[in-house]
Amino acid sequence: MFAYATLGTNDFEKSKAYYTELLEPLGAKLVMDNGRMAMFSCGRGQPMLGICTPFDEQVAKPGNGTMLALVAASREQVDALYARALSLGGTDEGAPGERTASFYGGYFRDLDGNKAVFCHMG
């Protein structure tokens, strides 16, 4: 259903480095960089995650109620990716744990305050 999602940043190079390192264990690679927007994907035909400076040249701000969910292969990978997000400068928004019988997630904010969760369902 989704082609891509983008997150705004106020420091493009720093954010690009953060997501390059963070998403590497998922097999995601930088597939496009035009100097204002960078896109990451796990392969052709797969959804992409982008980071960008806002087109309107205003300050990038996280949306209230906006969150990105990133699929992990296991609960152990959720734990590892959550720890990686924090070690790269992200901040805690909820340590990994079981939220429902079929949902395990670890919540964090990136360098610009965008909220995301690494999750495993099942």
N, C-alpha and C. Protein backbone atom coordinates (compact mmCIF):
# COMPACT_ATOMS: atom_id res chain seq x y z
N MET A 1 0.80 -1.18 0.00
CA MET A 1 0.00 0.00 0.00
C MET A 1 0.86 1.26 0.00
N PHE A 2 2.00 1.25 0.69
CA PHE A 2 2.83 2.43 0.77
C PHE A 2 4.01 2.37 -0.20
N ALA A 3 4.29 3.49 -0.85
CA ALA A 3 5.47 3.61 -1.71
C ALA A 3 6.64 4.12 -0.88
N TYR A 4 6.38 5.18 -0.08
CA TYR A 4 7.42 5.74 0.78
C TYR A 4 6.81 6.65 1.83
N ALA A 5 7.59 6.91 2.85
CA ALA A 5 7.26 7.90 3.88
C ALA A 5 8.48 8.77 4.06
N THR A 6 8.28 10.04 4.37
CA THR A 6 9.42 10.93 4.61
C THR A 6 9.33 11.54 6.00
N LEU A 7 10.50 11.80 6.56
CA LEU A 7 10.64 12.49 7.84
C LEU A 7 11.45 13.75 7.60
N GLY A 8 11.00 14.85 8.17
CA GLY A 8 11.72 16.10 8.02
C GLY A 8 12.95 16.16 8.91
N THR A 9 13.97 16.87 8.42
CA THR A 9 15.19 17.05 9.20
C THR A 9 15.69 18.48 9.05
N ASN A 10 16.37 18.95 10.09
CA ASN A 10 17.01 20.26 10.06
C ASN A 10 18.51 20.14 9.85
N ASP A 11 19.04 18.92 9.85
CA ASP A 11 20.46 18.67 9.58
C ASP A 11 20.54 17.44 8.68
N PHE A 12 20.45 17.69 7.38
CA PHE A 12 20.35 16.63 6.39
C PHE A 12 21.49 15.62 6.49
N GLU A 13 22.73 16.08 6.52
CA GLU A 13 23.87 15.16 6.54
C GLU A 13 23.90 14.31 7.81
N LYS A 14 23.62 14.92 8.94
CA LYS A 14 23.62 14.19 10.21
C LYS A 14 22.49 13.15 10.23
N SER A 15 21.31 13.52 9.74
CA SER A 15 20.19 12.60 9.69
C SER A 15 20.45 11.47 8.70
N LYS A 16 21.04 11.78 7.57
CA LYS A 16 21.37 10.75 6.58
C LYS A 16 22.34 9.73 7.17
N ALA A 17 23.34 10.19 7.90
CA ALA A 17 24.30 9.29 8.54
C ALA A 17 23.60 8.43 9.59
N TYR A 18 22.70 9.03 10.38
CA TYR A 18 21.96 8.31 11.43
C TYR A 18 21.16 7.17 10.80
N TYR A 19 20.36 7.46 9.78
CA TYR A 19 19.53 6.42 9.19
C TYR A 19 20.32 5.40 8.37
N THR A 20 21.43 5.81 7.79
CA THR A 20 22.30 4.86 7.09
C THR A 20 22.77 3.78 8.06
N GLU A 21 23.25 4.19 9.23
CA GLU A 21 23.73 3.25 10.26
C GLU A 21 22.58 2.48 10.88
N LEU A 22 21.49 3.18 11.20
CA LEU A 22 20.38 2.55 11.90
C LEU A 22 19.72 1.46 11.08
N LEU A 23 19.50 1.69 9.80
CA LEU A 23 18.73 0.77 8.97
C LEU A 23 19.55 -0.34 8.33
N GLU A 24 20.87 -0.26 8.44
CA GLU A 24 21.75 -1.26 7.82
C GLU A 24 21.41 -2.69 8.27
N PRO A 25 21.13 -2.97 9.56
CA PRO A 25 20.80 -4.34 9.95
C PRO A 25 19.52 -4.88 9.31
N LEU A 26 18.67 -4.01 8.83
CA LEU A 26 17.44 -4.44 8.14
C LEU A 26 17.68 -4.71 6.66
N GLY A 27 18.90 -4.43 6.19
CA GLY A 27 19.20 -4.61 4.78
C GLY A 27 18.86 -3.39 3.94
N ALA A 28 18.49 -2.29 4.58
CA ALA A 28 18.16 -1.06 3.85
C ALA A 28 19.43 -0.32 3.45
N LYS A 29 19.40 0.20 2.26
CA LYS A 29 20.53 0.96 1.73
C LYS A 29 20.04 2.30 1.19
N LEU A 30 20.95 3.25 1.14
CA LEU A 30 20.66 4.55 0.53
C LEU A 30 20.51 4.32 -0.97
N VAL A 31 19.33 4.62 -1.51
CA VAL A 31 19.08 4.37 -2.92
C VAL A 31 18.92 5.65 -3.73
N MET A 32 18.79 6.81 -3.04
CA MET A 32 18.66 8.07 -3.75
C MET A 32 19.08 9.19 -2.80
N ASP A 33 19.84 10.15 -3.33
CA ASP A 33 20.26 11.31 -2.55
C ASP A 33 20.40 12.47 -3.52
N ASN A 34 19.52 13.46 -3.39
CA ASN A 34 19.62 14.62 -4.27
C ASN A 34 20.12 15.87 -3.54
N GLY A 35 20.65 15.67 -2.32
CA GLY A 35 21.16 16.79 -1.55
C GLY A 35 20.15 17.44 -0.63
N ARG A 36 18.88 17.17 -0.83
CA ARG A 36 17.80 17.67 0.02
C ARG A 36 16.96 16.53 0.56
N MET A 37 16.94 15.43 -0.19
CA MET A 37 16.17 14.25 0.20
C MET A 37 17.03 13.01 -0.03
N ALA A 38 16.99 12.10 0.92
CA ALA A 38 17.66 10.81 0.79
C ALA A 38 16.62 9.72 1.03
N MET A 39 16.65 8.68 0.21
CA MET A 39 15.70 7.58 0.32
C MET A 39 16.44 6.29 0.61
N PHE A 40 15.88 5.49 1.52
CA PHE A 40 16.44 4.20 1.90
C PHE A 40 15.44 3.11 1.56
N SER A 41 15.94 1.96 1.10
CA SER A 41 15.05 0.85 0.75
C SER A 41 15.79 -0.47 0.90
N CYS A 42 15.00 -1.53 1.08
CA CYS A 42 15.56 -2.89 1.16
C CYS A 42 15.61 -3.54 -0.22
N GLY A 43 15.13 -2.86 -1.24
CA GLY A 43 15.21 -3.44 -2.58
C GLY A 43 14.17 -2.88 -3.53
N ARG A 44 14.38 -3.16 -4.79
CA ARG A 44 13.48 -2.68 -5.84
C ARG A 44 12.07 -3.16 -5.57
N GLY A 45 11.11 -2.24 -5.67
CA GLY A 45 9.72 -2.58 -5.45
C GLY A 45 9.31 -2.58 -3.98
N GLN A 46 10.26 -2.34 -3.08
CA GLN A 46 9.97 -2.30 -1.65
C GLN A 46 9.69 -0.86 -1.22
N PRO A 47 8.94 -0.68 -0.14
CA PRO A 47 8.69 0.69 0.35
C PRO A 47 10.00 1.38 0.71
N MET A 48 9.99 2.70 0.68
CA MET A 48 11.18 3.48 1.00
C MET A 48 10.90 4.39 2.19
N LEU A 49 11.97 4.70 2.91
CA LEU A 49 11.93 5.70 3.97
C LEU A 49 12.82 6.84 3.52
N GLY A 50 12.29 8.04 3.56
CA GLY A 50 13.06 9.20 3.15
C GLY A 50 13.25 10.17 4.30
N ILE A 51 14.35 10.89 4.25
CA ILE A 51 14.58 12.03 5.14
C ILE A 51 14.81 13.21 4.22
N CYS A 52 14.30 14.38 4.64
CA CYS A 52 14.43 15.53 3.76
C CYS A 52 14.35 16.84 4.54
N THR A 53 14.95 17.85 3.96
CA THR A 53 14.71 19.20 4.46
C THR A 53 13.39 19.64 3.85
N PRO A 54 12.53 20.33 4.60
CA PRO A 54 11.22 20.71 4.08
C PRO A 54 11.31 21.54 2.79
N PHE A 55 10.46 21.21 1.85
CA PHE A 55 10.42 21.90 0.56
C PHE A 55 10.12 23.38 0.73
N ASP A 56 9.30 23.72 1.75
CA ASP A 56 8.94 25.12 1.95
C ASP A 56 10.03 25.92 2.68
N GLU A 57 11.15 25.26 2.97
CA GLU A 57 12.31 25.86 3.62
C GLU A 57 12.04 26.35 5.04
N GLN A 58 10.94 25.90 5.63
CA GLN A 58 10.64 26.21 7.03
C GLN A 58 11.32 25.16 7.91
N VAL A 59 11.31 25.38 9.22
CA VAL A 59 11.91 24.45 10.16
C VAL A 59 11.13 23.13 10.16
N ALA A 60 11.85 22.01 10.11
CA ALA A 60 11.22 20.70 10.21
C ALA A 60 10.81 20.46 11.66
N LYS A 61 9.56 20.01 11.87
CA LYS A 61 9.05 19.71 13.20
C LYS A 61 8.34 18.37 13.16
N PRO A 62 8.50 17.56 14.21
CA PRO A 62 7.76 16.29 14.25
C PRO A 62 6.27 16.54 14.38
N GLY A 63 5.47 15.68 13.77
CA GLY A 63 4.03 15.81 13.87
C GLY A 63 3.52 15.21 15.17
N ASN A 64 2.53 15.83 15.76
CA ASN A 64 1.91 15.31 16.96
C ASN A 64 0.98 14.17 16.57
N GLY A 65 1.28 12.98 17.03
CA GLY A 65 0.50 11.80 16.67
C GLY A 65 1.05 11.05 15.47
N THR A 66 2.09 11.59 14.85
CA THR A 66 2.72 10.94 13.70
C THR A 66 3.80 9.99 14.20
N MET A 67 3.81 8.77 13.67
CA MET A 67 4.82 7.80 14.07
C MET A 67 5.06 6.84 12.91
N LEU A 68 6.30 6.43 12.78
CA LEU A 68 6.70 5.48 11.75
C LEU A 68 6.95 4.14 12.41
N ALA A 69 6.38 3.06 11.88
CA ALA A 69 6.61 1.71 12.41
C ALA A 69 7.50 0.95 11.42
N LEU A 70 8.62 0.44 11.94
CA LEU A 70 9.59 -0.29 11.13
C LEU A 70 9.61 -1.75 11.57
N VAL A 71 9.39 -2.67 10.63
CA VAL A 71 9.27 -4.09 10.94
C VAL A 71 10.63 -4.71 11.21
N ALA A 72 10.71 -5.47 12.29
CA ALA A 72 11.90 -6.26 12.63
C ALA A 72 11.55 -7.73 12.47
N ALA A 73 12.56 -8.55 12.24
CA ALA A 73 12.36 -9.97 12.00
C ALA A 73 12.05 -10.76 13.27
N SER A 74 12.41 -10.21 14.43
CA SER A 74 12.22 -10.94 15.69
C SER A 74 12.20 -9.94 16.85
N ARG A 75 11.82 -10.42 18.01
CA ARG A 75 11.87 -9.60 19.21
C ARG A 75 13.31 -9.21 19.53
N GLU A 76 14.21 -10.14 19.31
CA GLU A 76 15.63 -9.87 19.55
C GLU A 76 16.14 -8.75 18.65
N GLN A 77 15.67 -8.74 17.40
CA GLN A 77 16.09 -7.67 16.50
C GLN A 77 15.47 -6.33 16.92
N VAL A 78 14.25 -6.35 17.43
CA VAL A 78 13.66 -5.12 17.98
C VAL A 78 14.57 -4.57 19.06
N ASP A 79 14.98 -5.44 19.99
CA ASP A 79 15.85 -5.01 21.09
C ASP A 79 17.15 -4.40 20.57
N ALA A 80 17.77 -5.08 19.60
CA ALA A 80 19.05 -4.63 19.06
C ALA A 80 18.90 -3.31 18.30
N LEU A 81 17.85 -3.18 17.49
CA LEU A 81 17.66 -1.96 16.71
C LEU A 81 17.28 -0.77 17.59
N TYR A 82 16.48 -1.01 18.61
CA TYR A 82 16.13 0.03 19.57
C TYR A 82 17.41 0.53 20.26
N ALA A 83 18.25 -0.39 20.72
CA ALA A 83 19.52 -0.01 21.37
C ALA A 83 20.40 0.76 20.39
N ARG A 84 20.41 0.33 19.14
CA ARG A 84 21.21 1.01 18.11
C ARG A 84 20.71 2.44 17.89
N ALA A 85 19.38 2.60 17.84
CA ALA A 85 18.80 3.93 17.66
C ALA A 85 19.26 4.88 18.76
N LEU A 86 19.27 4.39 20.00
CA LEU A 86 19.69 5.23 21.12
C LEU A 86 21.19 5.48 21.09
N SER A 87 21.98 4.46 20.74
CA SER A 87 23.44 4.63 20.71
C SER A 87 23.88 5.61 19.64
N LEU A 88 23.06 5.79 18.61
CA LEU A 88 23.38 6.72 17.53
C LEU A 88 22.87 8.14 17.82
N GLY A 89 22.27 8.34 18.99
CA GLY A 89 21.83 9.68 19.38
C GLY A 89 20.34 9.86 19.50
N GLY A 90 19.55 8.82 19.19
CA GLY A 90 18.11 8.90 19.36
C GLY A 90 17.75 8.90 20.84
N THR A 91 16.49 9.17 21.14
CA THR A 91 16.04 9.19 22.54
C THR A 91 14.91 8.20 22.76
N ASP A 92 14.81 7.73 23.99
CA ASP A 92 13.82 6.73 24.39
C ASP A 92 12.41 7.30 24.40
N GLU A 93 11.48 6.52 23.84
CA GLU A 93 10.05 6.84 23.92
C GLU A 93 9.27 5.65 24.44
N GLY A 94 9.97 4.62 24.88
CA GLY A 94 9.31 3.42 25.40
C GLY A 94 10.16 2.21 25.09
N ALA A 95 10.78 1.66 26.12
CA ALA A 95 11.68 0.52 25.95
C ALA A 95 10.96 -0.67 25.31
N PRO A 96 11.71 -1.54 24.63
CA PRO A 96 11.09 -2.70 24.00
C PRO A 96 10.30 -3.53 25.00
N GLY A 97 9.16 -3.99 24.54
CA GLY A 97 8.31 -4.83 25.37
C GLY A 97 7.06 -5.23 24.63
N GLU A 98 6.35 -6.17 25.24
CA GLU A 98 5.11 -6.67 24.67
C GLU A 98 4.00 -5.67 24.97
N ARG A 99 3.37 -5.15 23.93
CA ARG A 99 2.27 -4.20 24.10
C ARG A 99 0.93 -4.91 24.06
N THR A 100 0.84 -5.93 23.23
CA THR A 100 -0.32 -6.83 23.19
C THR A 100 0.25 -8.23 22.98
N ALA A 101 -0.63 -9.22 22.98
CA ALA A 101 -0.16 -10.60 22.82
C ALA A 101 0.55 -10.82 21.49
N SER A 102 0.29 -9.99 20.50
CA SER A 102 0.91 -10.20 19.19
C SER A 102 1.73 -9.01 18.70
N PHE A 103 2.08 -8.08 19.62
CA PHE A 103 2.85 -6.91 19.20
C PHE A 103 3.94 -6.62 20.23
N TYR A 104 5.18 -6.60 19.75
CA TYR A 104 6.35 -6.30 20.58
C TYR A 104 7.05 -5.11 19.93
N GLY A 105 7.27 -4.04 20.68
CA GLY A 105 7.86 -2.86 20.07
C GLY A 105 8.76 -2.08 21.01
N GLY A 106 9.70 -1.35 20.41
CA GLY A 106 10.59 -0.44 21.11
C GLY A 106 10.52 0.92 20.44
N TYR A 107 10.11 1.94 21.17
CA TYR A 107 9.84 3.27 20.63
C TYR A 107 11.00 4.23 20.87
N PHE A 108 11.28 5.07 19.88
CA PHE A 108 12.37 6.04 19.99
C PHE A 108 12.05 7.28 19.17
N ARG A 109 12.81 8.33 19.41
CA ARG A 109 12.77 9.53 18.58
C ARG A 109 14.13 9.70 17.93
N ASP A 110 14.13 10.12 16.67
CA ASP A 110 15.39 10.32 15.95
C ASP A 110 16.01 11.66 16.35
N LEU A 111 17.04 12.06 15.64
CA LEU A 111 17.79 13.27 15.97
C LEU A 111 16.95 14.55 15.85
N ASP A 112 15.88 14.51 15.05
CA ASP A 112 15.00 15.66 14.88
C ASP A 112 13.72 15.56 15.69
N GLY A 113 13.60 14.50 16.50
CA GLY A 113 12.41 14.34 17.33
C GLY A 113 11.28 13.56 16.69
N ASN A 114 11.49 13.02 15.48
CA ASN A 114 10.47 12.20 14.84
C ASN A 114 10.33 10.88 15.60
N LYS A 115 9.09 10.47 15.87
CA LYS A 115 8.84 9.25 16.64
C LYS A 115 8.74 8.05 15.71
N ALA A 116 9.36 6.94 16.15
CA ALA A 116 9.31 5.70 15.40
C ALA A 116 9.31 4.52 16.37
N VAL A 117 8.96 3.38 15.86
CA VAL A 117 8.98 2.14 16.63
C VAL A 117 9.54 1.04 15.76
N PHE A 118 10.43 0.23 16.32
CA PHE A 118 10.79 -1.04 15.70
C PHE A 118 9.84 -2.06 16.30
N CYS A 119 9.19 -2.84 15.46
CA CYS A 119 8.19 -3.77 15.99
C CYS A 119 8.27 -5.13 15.34
N HIS A 120 7.78 -6.12 16.09
CA HIS A 120 7.63 -7.49 15.60
C HIS A 120 6.22 -7.91 15.95
N MET A 121 5.50 -8.40 14.95
CA MET A 121 4.13 -8.85 15.18
C MET A 121 4.07 -10.36 15.06
N GLY A 122 3.37 -10.93 16.00
CA GLY A 122 3.22 -12.38 15.96
C GLY A 122 3.81 -13.07 17.15
